[in-house]
Amino acid sequence: MEDKAKADPLQVTSALSATEFNDEVKRAIDNVISTVLGSQVVKALYFHLKEHYDISSDEIPYRLDTLFDALEKTFGVKGALTLGRVIARRFYARMGLKFVELGNYKLQDYLEQAKRQLNLLH
């Protein structure tokens, strides 16, 4: 019975749509930044992205390169990479995927790997 319970989350994620994938990415970003830096930082980050990059919070999963640039300017390269890894780790856990830390991978790189694992790339 335990093996079946482990398999169920993978069956759910294999039917994941691109929109659901991006919704989960946004949840992971919100959750990690809020947990690590506080909910006020999430609000400030979204305000900054809207004012300086014309990105709404819903567009973030589609513009991860811009998110990384904003994080990098705020926290430096190491800080942005660290936040990206923590977000990716949280996302992978929610999707039932095994997370493997890889060098200087950015959040975008980890999410591309996740898309491959979930068969979302065409």
PDB file of N, CA and C in Angstrom:
ATOM      1  N   MET A   1       0.819  -1.181   0.000  1.00  0.00           N
ATOM      2  CA  MET A   1       0.000   0.000   0.000  1.00  0.00           C
ATOM      3  C   MET A   1       0.872   1.258   0.000  1.00  0.00           C
ATOM      4  N   GLU A   2       1.992   1.210   0.680  1.00  0.00           N
ATOM      5  CA  GLU A   2       2.874   2.365   0.751  1.00  0.00           C
ATOM      6  C   GLU A   2       3.421   2.718  -0.629  1.00  0.00           C
ATOM      7  N   ASP A   3       3.744   1.697  -1.456  1.00  0.00           N
ATOM      8  CA  ASP A   3       4.265   1.960  -2.794  1.00  0.00           C
ATOM      9  C   ASP A   3       3.234   2.676  -3.654  1.00  0.00           C
ATOM     10  N   LYS A   4       1.958   2.303  -3.521  1.00  0.00           N
ATOM     11  CA  LYS A   4       0.911   2.951  -4.291  1.00  0.00           C
ATOM     12  C   LYS A   4       0.774   4.410  -3.882  1.00  0.00           C
ATOM     13  N   ALA A   5       0.872   4.701  -2.597  1.00  0.00           N
ATOM     14  CA  ALA A   5       0.764   6.082  -2.115  1.00  0.00           C
ATOM     15  C   ALA A   5       1.898   6.934  -2.669  1.00  0.00           C
ATOM     16  N   LYS A   6       3.071   6.348  -2.807  1.00  0.00           N
ATOM     17  CA  LYS A   6       4.196   7.082  -3.364  1.00  0.00           C
ATOM     18  C   LYS A   6       4.006   7.333  -4.859  1.00  0.00           C
ATOM     19  N   ALA A   7       3.353   6.425  -5.544  1.00  0.00           N
ATOM     20  CA  ALA A   7       3.178   6.559  -6.985  1.00  0.00           C
ATOM     21  C   ALA A   7       2.101   7.579  -7.342  1.00  0.00           C
ATOM     22  N   ASP A   8       1.089   7.739  -6.510  1.00  0.00           N
ATOM     23  CA  ASP A   8      -0.018   8.633  -6.832  1.00  0.00           C
ATOM     24  C   ASP A   8       0.395  10.064  -7.140  1.00  0.00           C
ATOM     25  N   PRO A   9       1.271  10.710  -6.332  1.00  0.00           N
ATOM     26  CA  PRO A   9       1.653  12.081  -6.679  1.00  0.00           C
ATOM     27  C   PRO A   9       2.313  12.176  -8.048  1.00  0.00           C
ATOM     28  N   LEU A  10       3.070  11.169  -8.438  1.00  0.00           N
ATOM     29  CA  LEU A  10       3.711  11.197  -9.744  1.00  0.00           C
ATOM     30  C   LEU A  10       2.680  11.066 -10.853  1.00  0.00           C
ATOM     31  N   GLN A  11       1.636  10.292 -10.626  1.00  0.00           N
ATOM     32  CA  GLN A  11       0.574  10.172 -11.619  1.00  0.00           C
ATOM     33  C   GLN A  11      -0.145  11.502 -11.781  1.00  0.00           C
ATOM     34  N   VAL A  12      -0.367  12.205 -10.707  1.00  0.00           N
ATOM     35  CA  VAL A  12      -1.025  13.503 -10.770  1.00  0.00           C
ATOM     36  C   VAL A  12      -0.153  14.484 -11.538  1.00  0.00           C
ATOM     37  N   THR A  13       1.150  14.526 -11.223  1.00  0.00           N
ATOM     38  CA  THR A  13       2.019  15.495 -11.870  1.00  0.00           C
ATOM     39  C   THR A  13       2.233  15.164 -13.340  1.00  0.00           C
ATOM     40  N   SER A  14       2.126  13.905 -13.745  1.00  0.00           N
ATOM     41  CA  SER A  14       2.337  13.581 -15.145  1.00  0.00           C
ATOM     42  C   SER A  14       1.233  14.174 -16.014  1.00  0.00           C
ATOM     43  N   ALA A  15       0.080  14.492 -15.424  1.00  0.00           N
ATOM     44  CA  ALA A  15      -1.024  15.090 -16.163  1.00  0.00           C
ATOM     45  C   ALA A  15      -1.068  16.605 -15.950  1.00  0.00           C
ATOM     46  N   LEU A  16      -0.009  17.163 -15.439  1.00  0.00           N
ATOM     47  CA  LEU A  16       0.071  18.582 -15.127  1.00  0.00           C
ATOM     48  C   LEU A  16       0.071  19.410 -16.406  1.00  0.00           C
ATOM     49  N   SER A  17      -0.752  20.443 -16.434  1.00  0.00           N
ATOM     50  CA  SER A  17      -0.758  21.344 -17.584  1.00  0.00           C
ATOM     51  C   SER A  17       0.316  22.409 -17.387  1.00  0.00           C
ATOM     52  N   ALA A  18       0.627  23.135 -18.442  1.00  0.00           N
ATOM     53  CA  ALA A  18       1.615  24.217 -18.357  1.00  0.00           C
ATOM     54  C   ALA A  18       1.148  25.285 -17.375  1.00  0.00           C
ATOM     55  N   THR A  19      -0.143  25.582 -17.366  1.00  0.00           N
ATOM     56  CA  THR A  19      -0.684  26.581 -16.437  1.00  0.00           C
ATOM     57  C   THR A  19      -0.543  26.111 -14.993  1.00  0.00           C
ATOM     58  N   GLU A  20      -0.860  24.848 -14.744  1.00  0.00           N
ATOM     59  CA  GLU A  20      -0.722  24.305 -13.386  1.00  0.00           C
ATOM     60  C   GLU A  20       0.744  24.308 -12.957  1.00  0.00           C
ATOM     61  N   PHE A  21       1.632  23.974 -13.882  1.00  0.00           N
ATOM     62  CA  PHE A  21       3.066  24.002 -13.608  1.00  0.00           C
ATOM     63  C   PHE A  21       3.475  25.404 -13.162  1.00  0.00           C
ATOM     64  N   ASN A  22       3.070  26.415 -13.926  1.00  0.00           N
ATOM     65  CA  ASN A  22       3.425  27.797 -13.600  1.00  0.00           C
ATOM     66  C   ASN A  22       2.779  28.268 -12.302  1.00  0.00           C
ATOM     67  N   ASP A  23       1.569  27.807 -12.023  1.00  0.00           N
ATOM     68  CA  ASP A  23       0.928  28.131 -10.736  1.00  0.00           C
ATOM     69  C   ASP A  23       1.738  27.560  -9.574  1.00  0.00           C
ATOM     70  N   GLU A  24       2.250  26.349  -9.749  1.00  0.00           N
ATOM     71  CA  GLU A  24       3.076  25.729  -8.706  1.00  0.00           C
ATOM     72  C   GLU A  24       4.406  26.463  -8.555  1.00  0.00           C
ATOM     73  N   VAL A  25       4.958  26.934  -9.667  1.00  0.00           N
ATOM     74  CA  VAL A  25       6.196  27.722  -9.604  1.00  0.00           C
ATOM     75  C   VAL A  25       5.949  28.979  -8.784  1.00  0.00           C
ATOM     76  N   LYS A  26       4.867  29.674  -9.059  1.00  0.00           N
ATOM     77  CA  LYS A  26       4.548  30.899  -8.330  1.00  0.00           C
ATOM     78  C   LYS A  26       4.342  30.613  -6.845  1.00  0.00           C
ATOM     79  N   ARG A  27       3.647  29.524  -6.525  1.00  0.00           N
ATOM     80  CA  ARG A  27       3.449  29.148  -5.117  1.00  0.00           C
ATOM     81  C   ARG A  27       4.791  28.914  -4.423  1.00  0.00           C
ATOM     82  N   ALA A  28       5.692  28.222  -5.111  1.00  0.00           N
ATOM     83  CA  ALA A  28       7.003  27.940  -4.524  1.00  0.00           C
ATOM     84  C   ALA A  28       7.776  29.241  -4.302  1.00  0.00           C
ATOM     85  N   ILE A  29       7.736  30.149  -5.271  1.00  0.00           N
ATOM     86  CA  ILE A  29       8.422  31.436  -5.121  1.00  0.00           C
ATOM     87  C   ILE A  29       7.845  32.202  -3.941  1.00  0.00           C
ATOM     88  N   ASP A  30       6.523  32.328  -3.906  1.00  0.00           N
ATOM     89  CA  ASP A  30       5.855  33.037  -2.806  1.00  0.00           C
ATOM     90  C   ASP A  30       6.217  32.425  -1.460  1.00  0.00           C
ATOM     91  N   ASN A  31       6.129  31.112  -1.398  1.00  0.00           N
ATOM     92  CA  ASN A  31       6.355  30.408  -0.140  1.00  0.00           C
ATOM     93  C   ASN A  31       7.783  30.587   0.356  1.00  0.00           C
ATOM     94  N   VAL A  32       8.746  30.394  -0.513  1.00  0.00           N
ATOM     95  CA  VAL A  32      10.152  30.472  -0.103  1.00  0.00           C
ATOM     96  C   VAL A  32      10.530  31.893   0.286  1.00  0.00           C
ATOM     97  N   ILE A  33      10.195  32.853  -0.544  1.00  0.00           N
ATOM     98  CA  ILE A  33      10.573  34.232  -0.223  1.00  0.00           C
ATOM     99  C   ILE A  33       9.882  34.687   1.048  1.00  0.00           C
ATOM    100  N   SER A  34       8.621  34.324   1.210  1.00  0.00           N
ATOM    101  CA  SER A  34       7.890  34.680   2.424  1.00  0.00           C
ATOM    102  C   SER A  34       8.488  34.009   3.653  1.00  0.00           C
ATOM    103  N   THR A  35       8.832  32.729   3.527  1.00  0.00           N
ATOM    104  CA  THR A  35       9.386  31.978   4.653  1.00  0.00           C
ATOM    105  C   THR A  35      10.798  32.461   5.010  1.00  0.00           C
ATOM    106  N   VAL A  36      11.626  32.649   3.998  1.00  0.00           N
ATOM    107  CA  VAL A  36      13.026  33.010   4.231  1.00  0.00           C
ATOM    108  C   VAL A  36      13.186  34.492   4.574  1.00  0.00           C
ATOM    109  N   LEU A  37      12.455  35.343   3.856  1.00  0.00           N
ATOM    110  CA  LEU A  37      12.675  36.780   3.995  1.00  0.00           C
ATOM    111  C   LEU A  37      11.501  37.553   4.601  1.00  0.00           C
ATOM    112  N   GLY A  38      10.333  36.939   4.652  1.00  0.00           N
ATOM    113  CA  GLY A  38       9.166  37.586   5.237  1.00  0.00           C
ATOM    114  C   GLY A  38       8.146  38.010   4.192  1.00  0.00           C
ATOM    115  N   SER A  39       6.888  38.059   4.599  1.00  0.00           N
ATOM    116  CA  SER A  39       5.803  38.377   3.667  1.00  0.00           C
ATOM    117  C   SER A  39       5.897  39.804   3.135  1.00  0.00           C
ATOM    118  N   GLN A  40       6.444  40.709   3.930  1.00  0.00           N
ATOM    119  CA  GLN A  40       6.600  42.085   3.453  1.00  0.00           C
ATOM    120  C   GLN A  40       7.606  42.162   2.302  1.00  0.00           C
ATOM    121  N   VAL A  41       8.608  41.293   2.316  1.00  0.00           N
ATOM    122  CA  VAL A  41       9.589  41.267   1.232  1.00  0.00           C
ATOM    123  C   VAL A  41       8.932  40.785  -0.061  1.00  0.00           C
ATOM    124  N   VAL A  42       8.024  39.814   0.049  1.00  0.00           N
ATOM    125  CA  VAL A  42       7.296  39.343  -1.133  1.00  0.00           C
ATOM    126  C   VAL A  42       6.534  40.516  -1.749  1.00  0.00           C
ATOM    127  N   LYS A  43       5.822  41.256  -0.907  1.00  0.00           N
ATOM    128  CA  LYS A  43       5.057  42.408  -1.401  1.00  0.00           C
ATOM    129  C   LYS A  43       5.980  43.442  -2.031  1.00  0.00           C
ATOM    130  N   ALA A  44       7.103  43.720  -1.395  1.00  0.00           N
ATOM    131  CA  ALA A  44       8.055  44.698  -1.923  1.00  0.00           C
ATOM    132  C   ALA A  44       8.653  44.217  -3.246  1.00  0.00           C
ATOM    133  N   LEU A  45       8.973  42.931  -3.326  1.00  0.00           N
ATOM    134  CA  LEU A  45       9.530  42.367  -4.552  1.00  0.00           C
ATOM    135  C   LEU A  45       8.528  42.504  -5.699  1.00  0.00           C
ATOM    136  N   TYR A  46       7.280  42.148  -5.457  1.00  0.00           N
ATOM    137  CA  TYR A  46       6.264  42.238  -6.504  1.00  0.00           C
ATOM    138  C   TYR A  46       6.033  43.689  -6.919  1.00  0.00           C
ATOM    139  N   PHE A  47       6.058  44.599  -5.963  1.00  0.00           N
ATOM    140  CA  PHE A  47       5.917  46.016  -6.279  1.00  0.00           C
ATOM    141  C   PHE A  47       7.090  46.471  -7.156  1.00  0.00           C
ATOM    142  N   HIS A  48       8.286  46.081  -6.770  1.00  0.00           N
ATOM    143  CA  HIS A  48       9.496  46.428  -7.524  1.00  0.00           C
ATOM    144  C   HIS A  48       9.434  45.878  -8.954  1.00  0.00           C
ATOM    145  N   LEU A  49       9.032  44.630  -9.087  1.00  0.00           N
ATOM    146  CA  LEU A  49       8.944  44.013 -10.413  1.00  0.00           C
ATOM    147  C   LEU A  49       7.912  44.724 -11.280  1.00  0.00           C
ATOM    148  N   LYS A  50       6.806  45.134 -10.691  1.00  0.00           N
ATOM    149  CA  LYS A  50       5.766  45.843 -11.441  1.00  0.00           C
ATOM    150  C   LYS A  50       6.248  47.233 -11.848  1.00  0.00           C
ATOM    151  N   GLU A  51       6.841  47.949 -10.913  1.00  0.00           N
ATOM    152  CA  GLU A  51       7.270  49.332 -11.173  1.00  0.00           C
ATOM    153  C   GLU A  51       8.464  49.429 -12.112  1.00  0.00           C
ATOM    154  N   HIS A  52       9.433  48.548 -11.956  1.00  0.00           N
ATOM    155  CA  HIS A  52      10.678  48.669 -12.709  1.00  0.00           C
ATOM    156  C   HIS A  52      10.785  47.750 -13.921  1.00  0.00           C
ATOM    157  N   TYR A  53       9.990  46.661 -13.932  1.00  0.00           N
ATOM    158  CA  TYR A  53      10.085  45.703 -15.031  1.00  0.00           C
ATOM    159  C   TYR A  53       8.755  45.464 -15.731  1.00  0.00           C
ATOM    160  N   ASP A  54       7.691  46.102 -15.226  1.00  0.00           N
ATOM    161  CA  ASP A  54       6.342  45.947 -15.770  1.00  0.00           C
ATOM    162  C   ASP A  54       5.902  44.482 -15.802  1.00  0.00           C
ATOM    163  N   ILE A  55       6.149  43.794 -14.683  1.00  0.00           N
ATOM    164  CA  ILE A  55       5.765  42.386 -14.540  1.00  0.00           C
ATOM    165  C   ILE A  55       4.799  42.260 -13.370  1.00  0.00           C
ATOM    166  N   SER A  56       3.630  41.687 -13.626  1.00  0.00           N
ATOM    167  CA  SER A  56       2.711  41.402 -12.525  1.00  0.00           C
ATOM    168  C   SER A  56       3.155  40.101 -11.861  1.00  0.00           C
ATOM    169  N   SER A  57       2.672  39.868 -10.667  1.00  0.00           N
ATOM    170  CA  SER A  57       3.074  38.651  -9.950  1.00  0.00           C
ATOM    171  C   SER A  57       2.682  37.382 -10.717  1.00  0.00           C
ATOM    172  N   ASP A  58       1.578  37.431 -11.471  1.00  0.00           N
ATOM    173  CA  ASP A  58       1.149  36.264 -12.241  1.00  0.00           C
ATOM    174  C   ASP A  58       2.052  35.973 -13.436  1.00  0.00           C
ATOM    175  N   GLU A  59       2.805  36.977 -13.870  1.00  0.00           N
ATOM    176  CA  GLU A  59       3.690  36.799 -15.021  1.00  0.00           C
ATOM    177  C   GLU A  59       5.067  36.255 -14.644  1.00  0.00           C
ATOM    178  N   ILE A  60       5.371  36.229 -13.371  1.00  0.00           N
ATOM    179  CA  ILE A  60       6.705  35.835 -12.925  1.00  0.00           C
ATOM    180  C   ILE A  60       7.143  34.471 -13.457  1.00  0.00           C
ATOM    181  N   PRO A  61       6.304  33.439 -13.418  1.00  0.00           N
ATOM    182  CA  PRO A  61       6.772  32.147 -13.939  1.00  0.00           C
ATOM    183  C   PRO A  61       7.151  32.182 -15.415  1.00  0.00           C
ATOM    184  N   TYR A  62       6.648  33.163 -16.154  1.00  0.00           N
ATOM    185  CA  TYR A  62       6.956  33.289 -17.569  1.00  0.00           C
ATOM    186  C   TYR A  62       8.171  34.181 -17.816  1.00  0.00           C
ATOM    187  N   ARG A  63       8.625  34.876 -16.770  1.00  0.00           N
ATOM    188  CA  ARG A  63       9.740  35.812 -16.910  1.00  0.00           C
ATOM    189  C   ARG A  63      10.766  35.585 -15.795  1.00  0.00           C
ATOM    190  N   LEU A  64      11.174  34.351 -15.635  1.00  0.00           N
ATOM    191  CA  LEU A  64      12.102  33.984 -14.565  1.00  0.00           C
ATOM    192  C   LEU A  64      13.460  34.654 -14.720  1.00  0.00           C
ATOM    193  N   ASP A  65      13.862  34.924 -15.947  1.00  0.00           N
ATOM    194  CA  ASP A  65      15.134  35.604 -16.156  1.00  0.00           C
ATOM    195  C   ASP A  65      15.105  37.001 -15.536  1.00  0.00           C
ATOM    196  N   THR A  66      13.986  37.685 -15.656  1.00  0.00           N
ATOM    197  CA  THR A  66      13.841  39.019 -15.069  1.00  0.00           C
ATOM    198  C   THR A  66      13.783  38.927 -13.550  1.00  0.00           C
ATOM    199  N   LEU A  67      13.086  37.916 -13.036  1.00  0.00           N
ATOM    200  CA  LEU A  67      13.053  37.703 -11.590  1.00  0.00           C
ATOM    201  C   LEU A  67      14.466  37.491 -11.079  1.00  0.00           C
ATOM    202  N   PHE A  68      15.236  36.647 -11.768  1.00  0.00           N
ATOM    203  CA  PHE A  68      16.607  36.387 -11.339  1.00  0.00           C
ATOM    204  C   PHE A  68      17.429  37.669 -11.365  1.00  0.00           C
ATOM    205  N   ASP A  69      17.271  38.473 -12.411  1.00  0.00           N
ATOM    206  CA  ASP A  69      17.998  39.748 -12.487  1.00  0.00           C
ATOM    207  C   ASP A  69      17.673  40.636 -11.289  1.00  0.00           C
ATOM    208  N   ALA A  70      16.388  40.721 -10.936  1.00  0.00           N
ATOM    209  CA  ALA A  70      15.974  41.549  -9.793  1.00  0.00           C
ATOM    210  C   ALA A  70      16.549  41.002  -8.490  1.00  0.00           C
ATOM    211  N   LEU A  71      16.510  39.682  -8.322  1.00  0.00           N
ATOM    212  CA  LEU A  71      17.076  39.072  -7.114  1.00  0.00           C
ATOM    213  C   LEU A  71      18.586  39.280  -7.063  1.00  0.00           C
ATOM    214  N   GLU A  72      19.224  39.172  -8.218  1.00  0.00           N
ATOM    215  CA  GLU A  72      20.670  39.341  -8.289  1.00  0.00           C
ATOM    216  C   GLU A  72      21.075  40.773  -7.918  1.00  0.00           C
ATOM    217  N   LYS A  73      20.330  41.752  -8.396  1.00  0.00           N
ATOM    218  CA  LYS A  73      20.627  43.150  -8.065  1.00  0.00           C
ATOM    219  C   LYS A  73      20.407  43.432  -6.589  1.00  0.00           C
ATOM    220  N   THR A  74      19.465  42.716  -5.988  1.00  0.00           N
ATOM    221  CA  THR A  74      19.150  42.932  -4.578  1.00  0.00           C
ATOM    222  C   THR A  74      20.060  42.138  -3.653  1.00  0.00           C
ATOM    223  N   PHE A  75      20.295  40.866  -3.971  1.00  0.00           N
ATOM    224  CA  PHE A  75      21.007  39.961  -3.069  1.00  0.00           C
ATOM    225  C   PHE A  75      22.361  39.491  -3.582  1.00  0.00           C
ATOM    226  N   GLY A  76      22.760  39.941  -4.771  1.00  0.00           N
ATOM    227  CA  GLY A  76      24.001  39.480  -5.367  1.00  0.00           C
ATOM    228  C   GLY A  76      23.796  38.146  -6.071  1.00  0.00           C
ATOM    229  N   VAL A  77      24.801  37.732  -6.826  1.00  0.00           N
ATOM    230  CA  VAL A  77      24.698  36.489  -7.593  1.00  0.00           C
ATOM    231  C   VAL A  77      24.504  35.290  -6.670  1.00  0.00           C
ATOM    232  N   LYS A  78      25.330  35.191  -5.632  1.00  0.00           N
ATOM    233  CA  LYS A  78      25.225  34.045  -4.718  1.00  0.00           C
ATOM    234  C   LYS A  78      23.868  34.001  -4.030  1.00  0.00           C
ATOM    235  N   GLY A  79      23.374  35.159  -3.609  1.00  0.00           N
ATOM    236  CA  GLY A  79      22.062  35.215  -2.959  1.00  0.00           C
ATOM    237  C   GLY A  79      20.949  34.799  -3.898  1.00  0.00           C
ATOM    238  N   ALA A  80      21.007  35.268  -5.149  1.00  0.00           N
ATOM    239  CA  ALA A  80      19.988  34.911  -6.138  1.00  0.00           C
ATOM    240  C   ALA A  80      20.047  33.418  -6.459  1.00  0.00           C
ATOM    241  N   LEU A  81      21.261  32.875  -6.601  1.00  0.00           N
ATOM    242  CA  LEU A  81      21.399  31.437  -6.866  1.00  0.00           C
ATOM    243  C   LEU A  81      20.884  30.613  -5.692  1.00  0.00           C
ATOM    244  N   THR A  82      21.186  31.059  -4.477  1.00  0.00           N
ATOM    245  CA  THR A  82      20.726  30.341  -3.287  1.00  0.00           C
ATOM    246  C   THR A  82      19.204  30.351  -3.199  1.00  0.00           C
ATOM    247  N   LEU A  83      18.597  31.523  -3.384  1.00  0.00           N
ATOM    248  CA  LEU A  83      17.129  31.596  -3.365  1.00  0.00           C
ATOM    249  C   LEU A  83      16.541  30.727  -4.472  1.00  0.00           C
ATOM    250  N   GLY A  84      17.153  30.735  -5.646  1.00  0.00           N
ATOM    251  CA  GLY A  84      16.679  29.900  -6.747  1.00  0.00           C
ATOM    252  C   GLY A  84      16.721  28.418  -6.407  1.00  0.00           C
ATOM    253  N   ARG A  85      17.805  27.987  -5.768  1.00  0.00           N
ATOM    254  CA  ARG A  85      17.907  26.573  -5.365  1.00  0.00           C
ATOM    255  C   ARG A  85      16.851  26.211  -4.327  1.00  0.00           C
ATOM    256  N   VAL A  86      16.622  27.098  -3.373  1.00  0.00           N
ATOM    257  CA  VAL A  86      15.622  26.821  -2.338  1.00  0.00           C
ATOM    258  C   VAL A  86      14.227  26.756  -2.965  1.00  0.00           C
ATOM    259  N   ILE A  87      13.947  27.672  -3.880  1.00  0.00           N
ATOM    260  CA  ILE A  87      12.653  27.646  -4.579  1.00  0.00           C
ATOM    261  C   ILE A  87      12.527  26.360  -5.385  1.00  0.00           C
ATOM    262  N   ALA A  88      13.571  25.999  -6.113  1.00  0.00           N
ATOM    263  CA  ALA A  88      13.545  24.772  -6.915  1.00  0.00           C
ATOM    264  C   ALA A  88      13.354  23.544  -6.031  1.00  0.00           C
ATOM    265  N   ARG A  89      14.070  23.502  -4.915  1.00  0.00           N
ATOM    266  CA  ARG A  89      13.942  22.368  -3.990  1.00  0.00           C
ATOM    267  C   ARG A  89      12.492  22.239  -3.500  1.00  0.00           C
ATOM    268  N   ARG A  90      11.889  23.363  -3.139  1.00  0.00           N
ATOM    269  CA  ARG A  90      10.495  23.358  -2.670  1.00  0.00           C
ATOM    270  C   ARG A  90       9.561  22.906  -3.781  1.00  0.00           C
ATOM    271  N   PHE A  91       9.781  23.410  -4.987  1.00  0.00           N
ATOM    272  CA  PHE A  91       8.959  23.044  -6.133  1.00  0.00           C
ATOM    273  C   PHE A  91       9.078  21.546  -6.420  1.00  0.00           C
ATOM    274  N   TYR A  92      10.296  21.038  -6.466  1.00  0.00           N
ATOM    275  CA  TYR A  92      10.515  19.617  -6.731  1.00  0.00           C
ATOM    276  C   TYR A  92       9.799  18.757  -5.683  1.00  0.00           C
ATOM    277  N   ALA A  93       9.883  19.153  -4.434  1.00  0.00           N
ATOM    278  CA  ALA A  93       9.226  18.397  -3.371  1.00  0.00           C
ATOM    279  C   ALA A  93       7.716  18.360  -3.596  1.00  0.00           C
ATOM    280  N   ARG A  94       7.137  19.485  -3.957  1.00  0.00           N
ATOM    281  CA  ARG A  94       5.681  19.540  -4.199  1.00  0.00           C
ATOM    282  C   ARG A  94       5.276  18.682  -5.394  1.00  0.00           C
ATOM    283  N   MET A  95       6.173  18.549  -6.365  1.00  0.00           N
ATOM    284  CA  MET A  95       5.877  17.777  -7.570  1.00  0.00           C
ATOM    285  C   MET A  95       6.239  16.304  -7.428  1.00  0.00           C
ATOM    286  N   GLY A  96       6.854  15.940  -6.308  1.00  0.00           N
ATOM    287  CA  GLY A  96       7.256  14.553  -6.107  1.00  0.00           C
ATOM    288  C   GLY A  96       8.481  14.176  -6.918  1.00  0.00           C
ATOM    289  N   LEU A  97       9.314  15.160  -7.250  1.00  0.00           N
ATOM    290  CA  LEU A  97      10.521  14.918  -8.035  1.00  0.00           C
ATOM    291  C   LEU A  97      11.740  14.912  -7.125  1.00  0.00           C
ATOM    292  N   LYS A  98      12.777  14.199  -7.555  1.00  0.00           N
ATOM    293  CA  LYS A  98      14.024  14.179  -6.802  1.00  0.00           C
ATOM    294  C   LYS A  98      14.851  15.395  -7.203  1.00  0.00           C
ATOM    295  N   PHE A  99      15.251  16.188  -6.214  1.00  0.00           N
ATOM    296  CA  PHE A  99      16.056  17.381  -6.464  1.00  0.00           C
ATOM    297  C   PHE A  99      17.528  17.041  -6.339  1.00  0.00           C
ATOM    298  N   VAL A 100      18.307  17.446  -7.342  1.00  0.00           N
ATOM    299  CA  VAL A 100      19.757  17.277  -7.314  1.00  0.00           C
ATOM    300  C   VAL A 100      20.365  18.648  -7.589  1.00  0.00           C
ATOM    301  N   GLU A 101      21.161  19.128  -6.645  1.00  0.00           N
ATOM    302  CA  GLU A 101      21.805  20.427  -6.807  1.00  0.00           C
ATOM    303  C   GLU A 101      22.899  20.322  -7.859  1.00  0.00           C
ATOM    304  N   LEU A 102      22.894  21.248  -8.810  1.00  0.00           N
ATOM    305  CA  LEU A 102      23.846  21.218  -9.909  1.00  0.00           C
ATOM    306  C   LEU A 102      24.545  22.563 -10.060  1.00  0.00           C
ATOM    307  N   GLY A 103      25.782  22.632  -9.661  1.00  0.00           N
ATOM    308  CA  GLY A 103      26.648  23.786  -9.853  1.00  0.00           C
ATOM    309  C   GLY A 103      25.991  25.138  -9.773  1.00  0.00           C
ATOM    310  N   ASN A 104      26.121  25.900 -10.836  1.00  0.00           N
ATOM    311  CA  ASN A 104      25.577  27.249 -10.888  1.00  0.00           C
ATOM    312  C   ASN A 104      24.240  27.297 -11.621  1.00  0.00           C
ATOM    313  N   TYR A 105      23.458  26.240 -11.521  1.00  0.00           N
ATOM    314  CA  TYR A 105      22.129  26.246 -12.121  1.00  0.00           C
ATOM    315  C   TYR A 105      21.320  27.382 -11.524  1.00  0.00           C
ATOM    316  N   LYS A 106      20.610  28.076 -12.394  1.00  0.00           N
ATOM    317  CA  LYS A 106      19.662  29.090 -11.966  1.00  0.00           C
ATOM    318  C   LYS A 106      18.299  28.428 -11.830  1.00  0.00           C
ATOM    319  N   LEU A 107      17.365  29.135 -11.240  1.00  0.00           N
ATOM    320  CA  LEU A 107      16.006  28.609 -11.081  1.00  0.00           C
ATOM    321  C   LEU A 107      15.445  28.146 -12.423  1.00  0.00           C
ATOM    322  N   GLN A 108      15.680  28.928 -13.473  1.00  0.00           N
ATOM    323  CA  GLN A 108      15.177  28.562 -14.797  1.00  0.00           C
ATOM    324  C   GLN A 108      15.688  27.202 -15.237  1.00  0.00           C
ATOM    325  N   ASP A 109      16.966  26.924 -14.954  1.00  0.00           N
ATOM    326  CA  ASP A 109      17.566  25.650 -15.344  1.00  0.00           C
ATOM    327  C   ASP A 109      16.909  24.484 -14.609  1.00  0.00           C
ATOM    328  N   TYR A 110      16.707  24.655 -13.310  1.00  0.00           N
ATOM    329  CA  TYR A 110      16.048  23.603 -12.527  1.00  0.00           C
ATOM    330  C   TYR A 110      14.629  23.352 -13.025  1.00  0.00           C
ATOM    331  N   LEU A 111      13.921  24.427 -13.379  1.00  0.00           N
ATOM    332  CA  LEU A 111      12.539  24.268 -13.843  1.00  0.00           C
ATOM    333  C   LEU A 111      12.484  23.625 -15.220  1.00  0.00           C
ATOM    334  N   GLU A 112      13.471  23.878 -16.064  1.00  0.00           N
ATOM    335  CA  GLU A 112      13.543  23.186 -17.356  1.00  0.00           C
ATOM    336  C   GLU A 112      13.752  21.688 -17.134  1.00  0.00           C
ATOM    337  N   GLN A 113      14.618  21.351 -16.166  1.00  0.00           N
ATOM    338  CA  GLN A 113      14.825  19.939 -15.805  1.00  0.00           C
ATOM    339  C   GLN A 113      13.511  19.317 -15.331  1.00  0.00           C
ATOM    340  N   ALA A 114      12.776  20.043 -14.506  1.00  0.00           N
ATOM    341  CA  ALA A 114      11.492  19.537 -13.990  1.00  0.00           C
ATOM    342  C   ALA A 114      10.511  19.320 -15.137  1.00  0.00           C
ATOM    343  N   LYS A 115      10.478  20.237 -16.089  1.00  0.00           N
ATOM    344  CA  LYS A 115       9.583  20.074 -17.245  1.00  0.00           C
ATOM    345  C   LYS A 115       9.930  18.808 -18.012  1.00  0.00           C
ATOM    346  N   ARG A 116      11.228  18.535 -18.164  1.00  0.00           N
ATOM    347  CA  ARG A 116      11.643  17.304 -18.850  1.00  0.00           C
ATOM    348  C   ARG A 116      11.157  16.077 -18.075  1.00  0.00           C
ATOM    349  N   GLN A 117      11.355  16.117 -16.764  1.00  0.00           N
ATOM    350  CA  GLN A 117      10.947  14.979 -15.939  1.00  0.00           C
ATOM    351  C   GLN A 117       9.447  14.769 -15.958  1.00  0.00           C
ATOM    352  N   LEU A 118       8.698  15.848 -16.094  1.00  0.00           N
ATOM    353  CA  LEU A 118       7.233  15.771 -16.098  1.00  0.00           C
ATOM    354  C   LEU A 118       6.679  15.641 -17.525  1.00  0.00           C
ATOM    355  N   ASN A 119       7.586  15.523 -18.493  1.00  0.00           N
ATOM    356  CA  ASN A 119       7.203  15.397 -19.904  1.00  0.00           C
ATOM    357  C   ASN A 119       6.342  16.567 -20.374  1.00  0.00           C
ATOM    358  N   LEU A 120       6.707  17.770 -19.987  1.00  0.00           N
ATOM    359  CA  LEU A 120       5.961  18.963 -20.389  1.00  0.00           C
ATOM    360  C   LEU A 120       6.606  19.688 -21.566  1.00  0.00           C
ATOM    361  N   LEU A 121       7.807  19.276 -21.953  1.00  0.00           N
ATOM    362  CA  LEU A 121       8.463  19.903 -23.110  1.00  0.00           C
ATOM    363  C   LEU A 121       8.054  19.159 -24.376  1.00  0.00           C
ATOM    364  N   HIS A 122       7.835  19.913 -25.411  1.00  0.00           N
ATOM    365  CA  HIS A 122       7.415  19.306 -26.680  1.00  0.00           C
ATOM    366  C   HIS A 122       8.561  19.197 -27.629  1.00  0.00           C
TER     367      HIS A 122
END
